[in-house]
């Protein structure tokens, strides 16, 4: 077993060992109706088994609400998570009373437009329970979000987009919106003209924004920014 910390299923998440023949870390058996996967479990606990997953295919373009569902046995908790890690958590499934299915109406406007690589994980204990084991019910898939008008996104959704693009992000619990940290601002308030950037990027397109997520504008630079792109040779204003 590998002990992973901080998972959505509890303080400690046990994940089956991965190998080239078992890249998802699941224990599975191919049958005529598909793949049945079973999580490893802690002594005395009952593993979670997933027999079916309903979700958009890898590479799908999504908008509006998307219905996600998993079926199996002993499903105590299921979450929509980034491809790796346990934060930010993008959705928590509603588990049926018989523990044989779990579903989520996923509002894609919680994610700024762009691509995101996500997985669905199931756990054999309720949320917050220590010692839960994880089963990756849906191995990572890349989805493209394309809502019109372009949504602002939630704190978690904005953080996930920054993470997807390879950048750290500001504290989701802060009062200000999450923005990607692309570099160190050179001054406070930042002087964009010195390095053609503010140190912060929009989670949708990484164009420079101020810490409050406001796009760069002519209030800070002349000639004014064009579509969020700073003009070379601009003169900074106070």
C-alpha atoms as a PDB file:
ATOM      1  CA  UNK A   1       0.000   0.000   0.000  1.00  0.00           C
ATOM      2  CA  UNK A   2       0.979   3.613  -0.535  1.00  0.00           C
ATOM      3  CA  UNK A   3      -0.172   6.048   2.105  1.00  0.00           C
ATOM      4  CA  UNK A   4      -1.330   9.322   0.580  1.00  0.00           C
ATOM      5  CA  UNK A   5      -2.278  12.265   2.768  1.00  0.00           C
ATOM      6  CA  UNK A   6      -5.045  14.802   2.425  1.00  0.00           C
ATOM      7  CA  UNK A   7      -7.490  12.883   0.236  1.00  0.00           C
ATOM      8  CA  UNK A   8     -11.139  13.736  -0.014  1.00  0.00           C
ATOM      9  CA  UNK A   9     -12.047  10.455   1.627  1.00  0.00           C
ATOM     10  CA  UNK A  10     -10.315  11.187   4.910  1.00  0.00           C
ATOM     11  CA  UNK A  11      -7.105  12.205   6.593  1.00  0.00           C
ATOM     12  CA  UNK A  12      -5.255   9.219   5.144  1.00  0.00           C
ATOM     13  CA  UNK A  13      -5.929   7.722   1.738  1.00  0.00           C
ATOM     14  CA  UNK A  14      -4.621   4.280   0.816  1.00  0.00           C
ATOM     15  CA  UNK A  15      -3.984   3.847  -2.880  1.00  0.00           C
ATOM     16  CA  UNK A  16      -3.079   0.528  -4.580  1.00  0.00           C
ATOM     17  CA  UNK A  17       0.445   0.350  -5.937  1.00  0.00           C
ATOM     18  CA  UNK A  18       0.798   1.477  -9.529  1.00  0.00           C
ATOM     19  CA  UNK A  19       2.741  -0.397 -12.173  1.00  0.00           C
ATOM     20  CA  UNK A  20       3.131  -0.281 -15.972  1.00  0.00           C
ATOM     21  CA  UNK A  21       0.470  -2.983 -16.189  1.00  0.00           C
ATOM     22  CA  UNK A  22      -1.763  -1.192 -13.705  1.00  0.00           C
ATOM     23  CA  UNK A  23      -1.217   2.557 -14.257  1.00  0.00           C
ATOM     24  CA  UNK A  24      -4.418   3.627 -12.552  1.00  0.00           C
ATOM     25  CA  UNK A  25      -3.609   1.746  -9.375  1.00  0.00           C
ATOM     26  CA  UNK A  26      -6.887  -0.166  -9.442  1.00  0.00           C
ATOM     27  CA  UNK A  27      -7.442  -3.890  -9.048  1.00  0.00           C
ATOM     28  CA  UNK A  28      -9.645  -4.944 -11.962  1.00  0.00           C
ATOM     29  CA  UNK A  29     -11.040  -7.879 -13.898  1.00  0.00           C
ATOM     30  CA  UNK A  30     -12.301  -7.606 -17.444  1.00  0.00           C
ATOM     31  CA  UNK A  31     -15.751  -9.073 -18.002  1.00  0.00           C
ATOM     32  CA  UNK A  32     -18.190  -9.127 -20.890  1.00  0.00           C
ATOM     33  CA  UNK A  33     -19.992  -6.066 -19.567  1.00  0.00           C
ATOM     34  CA  UNK A  34     -16.872  -3.965 -19.009  1.00  0.00           C
ATOM     35  CA  UNK A  35     -14.286  -3.458 -16.309  1.00  0.00           C
ATOM     36  CA  UNK A  36     -15.047  -4.011 -12.649  1.00  0.00           C
ATOM     37  CA  UNK A  37     -12.619  -2.203 -10.365  1.00  0.00           C
ATOM     38  CA  UNK A  38     -12.160  -2.696  -6.650  1.00  0.00           C
ATOM     39  CA  UNK A  39     -10.265  -0.534  -4.204  1.00  0.00           C
ATOM     40  CA  UNK A  40      -7.722  -1.895  -1.795  1.00  0.00           C
ATOM     41  CA  UNK A  41      -9.039  -1.579   1.740  1.00  0.00           C
ATOM     42  CA  UNK A  42      -7.779  -1.262   5.249  1.00  0.00           C
ATOM     43  CA  UNK A  43      -8.123  -4.281   7.560  1.00  0.00           C
ATOM     44  CA  UNK A  44     -11.717  -4.697   8.713  1.00  0.00           C
ATOM     45  CA  UNK A  45     -13.148  -2.378   6.050  1.00  0.00           C
ATOM     46  CA  UNK A  46     -15.206  -3.266   2.998  1.00  0.00           C
ATOM     47  CA  UNK A  47     -13.728  -2.206  -0.355  1.00  0.00           C
ATOM     48  CA  UNK A  48     -15.596  -0.031  -2.831  1.00  0.00           C
ATOM     49  CA  UNK A  49     -16.376  -1.574  -6.217  1.00  0.00           C
ATOM     50  CA  UNK A  50     -17.248   0.432  -9.334  1.00  0.00           C
ATOM     51  CA  UNK A  51     -18.845  -1.378 -12.282  1.00  0.00           C
ATOM     52  CA  UNK A  52     -19.979   1.507 -14.496  1.00  0.00           C
ATOM     53  CA  UNK A  53     -19.129   5.169 -15.066  1.00  0.00           C
ATOM     54  CA  UNK A  54     -21.217   7.707 -16.963  1.00  0.00           C
ATOM     55  CA  UNK A  55     -19.123  10.730 -17.944  1.00  0.00           C
ATOM     56  CA  UNK A  56     -18.037  12.661 -21.056  1.00  0.00           C
ATOM     57  CA  UNK A  57     -15.286  11.079 -23.107  1.00  0.00           C
ATOM     58  CA  UNK A  58     -11.692  12.247 -23.046  1.00  0.00           C
ATOM     59  CA  UNK A  59     -11.376  15.365 -25.220  1.00  0.00           C
ATOM     60  CA  UNK A  60     -15.062  16.331 -24.967  1.00  0.00           C
ATOM     61  CA  UNK A  61     -16.153  19.971 -25.079  1.00  0.00           C
ATOM     62  CA  UNK A  62     -18.552  20.822 -22.253  1.00  0.00           C
ATOM     63  CA  UNK A  63     -20.975  23.617 -21.402  1.00  0.00           C
ATOM     64  CA  UNK A  64     -23.880  24.069 -19.017  1.00  0.00           C
ATOM     65  CA  UNK A  65     -24.710  21.231 -16.628  1.00  0.00           C
ATOM     66  CA  UNK A  66     -23.178  17.789 -17.129  1.00  0.00           C
ATOM     67  CA  UNK A  67     -24.529  14.668 -15.391  1.00  0.00           C
ATOM     68  CA  UNK A  68     -21.911  12.335 -13.935  1.00  0.00           C
ATOM     69  CA  UNK A  69     -22.680   8.950 -12.378  1.00  0.00           C
ATOM     70  CA  UNK A  70     -20.872   5.897 -11.041  1.00  0.00           C
ATOM     71  CA  UNK A  71     -22.392   2.525 -10.117  1.00  0.00           C
ATOM     72  CA  UNK A  72     -21.123  -0.324  -7.957  1.00  0.00           C
ATOM     73  CA  UNK A  73     -21.191  -1.407  -4.325  1.00  0.00           C
ATOM     74  CA  UNK A  74     -20.192   0.163  -1.017  1.00  0.00           C
ATOM     75  CA  UNK A  75     -19.793   3.626  -2.529  1.00  0.00           C
ATOM     76  CA  UNK A  76     -19.539   5.823   0.565  1.00  0.00           C
ATOM     77  CA  UNK A  77     -18.153   8.951  -1.093  1.00  0.00           C
ATOM     78  CA  UNK A  78     -17.231  10.085  -4.608  1.00  0.00           C
ATOM     79  CA  UNK A  79     -15.537  13.262  -5.743  1.00  0.00           C
ATOM     80  CA  UNK A  80     -14.548  15.065  -8.939  1.00  0.00           C
ATOM     81  CA  UNK A  81     -10.879  15.956  -8.539  1.00  0.00           C
ATOM     82  CA  UNK A  82      -7.918  17.189 -10.578  1.00  0.00           C
ATOM     83  CA  UNK A  83      -5.920  14.518 -12.384  1.00  0.00           C
ATOM     84  CA  UNK A  84      -3.475  14.423  -9.476  1.00  0.00           C
ATOM     85  CA  UNK A  85      -3.836  15.460  -5.849  1.00  0.00           C
ATOM     86  CA  UNK A  86      -6.929  16.158  -3.808  1.00  0.00           C
ATOM     87  CA  UNK A  87      -7.240  19.934  -4.113  1.00  0.00           C
ATOM     88  CA  UNK A  88      -9.044  21.850  -5.355  1.00  0.00           C
ATOM     89  CA  UNK A  89     -12.111  19.644  -4.994  1.00  0.00           C
ATOM     90  CA  UNK A  90     -14.403  20.328  -7.951  1.00  0.00           C
ATOM     91  CA  UNK A  91     -17.525  18.419  -6.937  1.00  0.00           C
ATOM     92  CA  UNK A  92     -18.952  15.966  -4.390  1.00  0.00           C
ATOM     93  CA  UNK A  93     -21.337  13.272  -5.629  1.00  0.00           C
ATOM     94  CA  UNK A  94     -24.687  12.526  -3.993  1.00  0.00           C
ATOM     95  CA  UNK A  95     -24.514   8.895  -2.838  1.00  0.00           C
ATOM     96  CA  UNK A  96     -27.674   6.752  -3.069  1.00  0.00           C
ATOM     97  CA  UNK A  97     -28.962   5.287   0.222  1.00  0.00           C
ATOM     98  CA  UNK A  98     -28.111   1.747  -0.941  1.00  0.00           C
ATOM     99  CA  UNK A  99     -24.503   2.833  -1.681  1.00  0.00           C
ATOM    100  CA  UNK A 100     -24.786   1.324  -5.165  1.00  0.00           C
ATOM    101  CA  UNK A 101     -24.557   4.556  -7.112  1.00  0.00           C
ATOM    102  CA  UNK A 102     -23.519   8.184  -6.811  1.00  0.00           C
ATOM    103  CA  UNK A 103     -24.324  11.103  -9.080  1.00  0.00           C
ATOM    104  CA  UNK A 104     -23.283  14.703  -9.604  1.00  0.00           C
ATOM    105  CA  UNK A 105     -24.862  17.480 -11.639  1.00  0.00           C
ATOM    106  CA  UNK A 106     -21.657  19.286 -12.530  1.00  0.00           C
ATOM    107  CA  UNK A 107     -22.094  22.964 -13.343  1.00  0.00           C
ATOM    108  CA  UNK A 108     -19.327  23.618 -15.858  1.00  0.00           C
ATOM    109  CA  UNK A 109     -19.586  27.391 -15.401  1.00  0.00           C
ATOM    110  CA  UNK A 110     -17.697  26.910 -12.134  1.00  0.00           C
ATOM    111  CA  UNK A 111     -14.602  26.484 -14.345  1.00  0.00           C
ATOM    112  CA  UNK A 112     -13.212  29.360 -16.450  1.00  0.00           C
ATOM    113  CA  UNK A 113     -13.133  28.502 -20.144  1.00  0.00           C
ATOM    114  CA  UNK A 114     -10.240  26.324 -21.217  1.00  0.00           C
ATOM    115  CA  UNK A 115      -9.076  22.745 -20.695  1.00  0.00           C
ATOM    116  CA  UNK A 116      -8.935  20.792 -17.466  1.00  0.00           C
ATOM    117  CA  UNK A 117      -7.747  17.272 -16.705  1.00  0.00           C
ATOM    118  CA  UNK A 118      -9.895  15.600 -14.051  1.00  0.00           C
ATOM    119  CA  UNK A 119     -10.630  12.214 -12.461  1.00  0.00           C
ATOM    120  CA  UNK A 120     -13.489  10.691 -10.476  1.00  0.00           C
ATOM    121  CA  UNK A 121     -12.468   8.987  -7.248  1.00  0.00           C
ATOM    122  CA  UNK A 122     -14.649   6.777  -5.048  1.00  0.00           C
ATOM    123  CA  UNK A 123     -13.998   6.033  -1.373  1.00  0.00           C
ATOM    124  CA  UNK A 124     -15.128   3.214   0.912  1.00  0.00           C
ATOM    125  CA  UNK A 125     -15.784   5.525   3.876  1.00  0.00           C
ATOM    126  CA  UNK A 126     -17.840   8.727   4.231  1.00  0.00           C
ATOM    127  CA  UNK A 127     -16.229  12.146   3.665  1.00  0.00           C
ATOM    128  CA  UNK A 128     -13.819  13.091   6.414  1.00  0.00           C
ATOM    129  CA  UNK A 129     -13.417   9.550   7.760  1.00  0.00           C
ATOM    130  CA  UNK A 130      -9.820   8.581   8.511  1.00  0.00           C
ATOM    131  CA  UNK A 131      -8.351   5.533   6.805  1.00  0.00           C
ATOM    132  CA  UNK A 132     -10.556   5.585   3.706  1.00  0.00           C
ATOM    133  CA  UNK A 133      -9.253   3.840   0.593  1.00  0.00           C
ATOM    134  CA  UNK A 134      -9.533   5.440  -2.827  1.00  0.00           C
ATOM    135  CA  UNK A 135     -10.593   3.884  -6.097  1.00  0.00           C
ATOM    136  CA  UNK A 136     -10.013   5.900  -9.253  1.00  0.00           C
ATOM    137  CA  UNK A 137     -13.374   5.212 -10.872  1.00  0.00           C
ATOM    138  CA  UNK A 138     -12.611   7.375 -13.908  1.00  0.00           C
ATOM    139  CA  UNK A 139      -8.931   7.704 -14.818  1.00  0.00           C
ATOM    140  CA  UNK A 140      -7.929  11.261 -15.798  1.00  0.00           C
ATOM    141  CA  UNK A 141      -9.689  12.724 -18.814  1.00  0.00           C
ATOM    142  CA  UNK A 142      -9.143  16.110 -20.449  1.00  0.00           C
ATOM    143  CA  UNK A 143     -12.297  18.167 -20.895  1.00  0.00           C
ATOM    144  CA  UNK A 144     -12.570  21.497 -22.673  1.00  0.00           C
ATOM    145  CA  UNK A 145     -14.923  24.032 -21.113  1.00  0.00           C
ATOM    146  CA  UNK A 146     -16.611  26.446 -23.498  1.00  0.00           C
ATOM    147  CA  UNK A 147     -19.452  28.419 -21.944  1.00  0.00           C
ATOM    148  CA  UNK A 148     -20.806  31.633 -23.459  1.00  0.00           C
ATOM    149  CA  UNK A 149     -20.612  34.215 -22.082  1.00  0.00           C
ATOM    150  CA  UNK A 150     -17.300  33.209 -20.561  1.00  0.00           C
ATOM    151  CA  UNK A 151     -17.869  32.502 -16.843  1.00  0.00           C
ATOM    152  CA  UNK A 152     -15.778  33.969 -14.050  1.00  0.00           C
ATOM    153  CA  UNK A 153     -15.649  30.612 -12.232  1.00  0.00           C
ATOM    154  CA  UNK A 154     -15.561  29.712  -8.549  1.00  0.00           C
ATOM    155  CA  UNK A 155     -12.466  29.933  -6.369  1.00  0.00           C
ATOM    156  CA  UNK A 156     -11.905  26.179  -6.783  1.00  0.00           C
ATOM    157  CA  UNK A 157     -12.502  26.264 -10.528  1.00  0.00           C
ATOM    158  CA  UNK A 158     -10.108  29.171 -11.006  1.00  0.00           C
ATOM    159  CA  UNK A 159      -7.468  27.416  -8.899  1.00  0.00           C
ATOM    160  CA  UNK A 160      -7.858  24.232 -10.955  1.00  0.00           C
ATOM    161  CA  UNK A 161      -7.263  26.126 -14.198  1.00  0.00           C
ATOM    162  CA  UNK A 162      -4.068  27.706 -12.809  1.00  0.00           C
ATOM    163  CA  UNK A 163      -2.922  24.268 -11.684  1.00  0.00           C
ATOM    164  CA  UNK A 164      -3.666  22.822 -15.127  1.00  0.00           C
ATOM    165  CA  UNK A 165      -1.504  25.498 -16.769  1.00  0.00           C
ATOM    166  CA  UNK A 166       1.362  24.758 -14.409  1.00  0.00           C
ATOM    167  CA  UNK A 167       1.155  27.831 -12.172  1.00  0.00           C
ATOM    168  CA  UNK A 168       0.577  28.223  -8.439  1.00  0.00           C
ATOM    169  CA  UNK A 169      -2.400  30.274  -7.392  1.00  0.00           C
ATOM    170  CA  UNK A 170      -3.428  32.683  -4.698  1.00  0.00           C
ATOM    171  CA  UNK A 171      -5.198  31.478  -1.554  1.00  0.00           C
ATOM    172  CA  UNK A 172      -8.738  30.278  -2.432  1.00  0.00           C
ATOM    173  CA  UNK A 173      -9.901  31.232   1.071  1.00  0.00           C
ATOM    174  CA  UNK A 174      -8.877  34.874   0.572  1.00  0.00           C
ATOM    175  CA  UNK A 175     -11.474  37.568  -0.048  1.00  0.00           C
ATOM    176  CA  UNK A 176      -9.978  38.422  -3.434  1.00  0.00           C
ATOM    177  CA  UNK A 177     -10.611  36.156  -6.431  1.00  0.00           C
ATOM    178  CA  UNK A 178      -8.071  33.439  -7.203  1.00  0.00           C
ATOM    179  CA  UNK A 179      -5.517  34.448  -9.828  1.00  0.00           C
ATOM    180  CA  UNK A 180      -2.529  32.527 -11.169  1.00  0.00           C
ATOM    181  CA  UNK A 181       0.873  33.517  -9.821  1.00  0.00           C
ATOM    182  CA  UNK A 182       3.027  33.972 -12.919  1.00  0.00           C
ATOM    183  CA  UNK A 183       5.864  35.950 -11.346  1.00  0.00           C
ATOM    184  CA  UNK A 184       6.841  38.369  -8.601  1.00  0.00           C
ATOM    185  CA  UNK A 185       5.324  41.865  -8.964  1.00  0.00           C
ATOM    186  CA  UNK A 186       8.049  44.480  -9.160  1.00  0.00           C
ATOM    187  CA  UNK A 187       6.225  47.100  -7.116  1.00  0.00           C
ATOM    188  CA  UNK A 188       3.033  47.799  -5.204  1.00  0.00           C
ATOM    189  CA  UNK A 189       0.887  48.730  -7.008  1.00  0.00           C
ATOM    190  CA  UNK A 190       2.609  46.800  -9.795  1.00  0.00           C
ATOM    191  CA  UNK A 191       4.178  48.806 -12.611  1.00  0.00           C
ATOM    192  CA  UNK A 192       3.348  46.763 -15.689  1.00  0.00           C
ATOM    193  CA  UNK A 193       5.655  48.643 -18.021  1.00  0.00           C
ATOM    194  CA  UNK A 194       8.808  47.542 -16.222  1.00  0.00           C
ATOM    195  CA  UNK A 195       8.394  43.870 -17.138  1.00  0.00           C
ATOM    196  CA  UNK A 196       5.249  43.764 -19.286  1.00  0.00           C
ATOM    197  CA  UNK A 197       3.487  41.889 -16.527  1.00  0.00           C
ATOM    198  CA  UNK A 198       1.985  42.176 -13.055  1.00  0.00           C
ATOM    199  CA  UNK A 199       2.984  38.828 -11.606  1.00  0.00           C
ATOM    200  CA  UNK A 200      -0.629  37.641 -11.820  1.00  0.00           C
ATOM    201  CA  UNK A 201      -2.510  35.973 -14.654  1.00  0.00           C
ATOM    202  CA  UNK A 202      -6.144  35.393 -15.556  1.00  0.00           C
ATOM    203  CA  UNK A 203      -7.046  31.698 -14.939  1.00  0.00           C
ATOM    204  CA  UNK A 204      -8.759  31.582 -18.332  1.00  0.00           C
ATOM    205  CA  UNK A 205      -5.979  32.842 -20.608  1.00  0.00           C
ATOM    206  CA  UNK A 206      -3.055  33.908 -18.349  1.00  0.00           C
ATOM    207  CA  UNK A 207      -3.279  37.499 -19.605  1.00  0.00           C
ATOM    208  CA  UNK A 208      -1.929  39.943 -16.983  1.00  0.00           C
ATOM    209  CA  UNK A 209      -4.376  41.045 -14.301  1.00  0.00           C
ATOM    210  CA  UNK A 210      -4.099  42.995 -11.086  1.00  0.00           C
ATOM    211  CA  UNK A 211      -4.380  41.137  -7.780  1.00  0.00           C
ATOM    212  CA  UNK A 212      -8.122  41.822  -7.683  1.00  0.00           C
ATOM    213  CA  UNK A 213      -8.389  40.022 -11.077  1.00  0.00           C
ATOM    214  CA  UNK A 214      -9.033  43.272 -12.954  1.00  0.00           C
ATOM    215  CA  UNK A 215      -7.545  43.082 -16.468  1.00  0.00           C
ATOM    216  CA  UNK A 216      -4.718  45.482 -17.253  1.00  0.00           C
ATOM    217  CA  UNK A 217      -6.240  48.711 -18.533  1.00  0.00           C
ATOM    218  CA  UNK A 218      -5.295  52.191 -19.688  1.00  0.00           C
ATOM    219  CA  UNK A 219      -5.746  53.371 -16.104  1.00  0.00           C
ATOM    220  CA  UNK A 220      -2.315  51.882 -15.481  1.00  0.00           C
ATOM    221  CA  UNK A 221      -0.640  52.080 -18.864  1.00  0.00           C
ATOM    222  CA  UNK A 222      -0.619  54.379 -21.918  1.00  0.00           C
ATOM    223  CA  UNK A 223      -1.314  53.530 -24.623  1.00  0.00           C
ATOM    224  CA  UNK A 224      -3.954  51.296 -23.125  1.00  0.00           C
ATOM    225  CA  UNK A 225      -3.808  47.537 -23.177  1.00  0.00           C
ATOM    226  CA  UNK A 226      -5.301  45.857 -26.230  1.00  0.00           C
ATOM    227  CA  UNK A 227      -7.446  42.877 -25.247  1.00  0.00           C
ATOM    228  CA  UNK A 228      -5.470  42.496 -22.048  1.00  0.00           C
ATOM    229  CA  UNK A 229      -2.123  42.462 -23.873  1.00  0.00           C
ATOM    230  CA  UNK A 230       0.227  45.237 -22.770  1.00  0.00           C
ATOM    231  CA  UNK A 231       1.591  47.434 -25.525  1.00  0.00           C
ATOM    232  CA  UNK A 232       5.379  47.483 -25.744  1.00  0.00           C
ATOM    233  CA  UNK A 233       6.868  50.843 -24.896  1.00  0.00           C
ATOM    234  CA  UNK A 234       3.898  51.907 -22.785  1.00  0.00           C
ATOM    235  CA  UNK A 235       4.311  54.587 -20.146  1.00  0.00           C
ATOM    236  CA  UNK A 236       3.185  53.718 -16.629  1.00  0.00           C
ATOM    237  CA  UNK A 237       0.755  56.021 -14.855  1.00  0.00           C
ATOM    238  CA  UNK A 238       0.650  56.647 -11.140  1.00  0.00           C
END
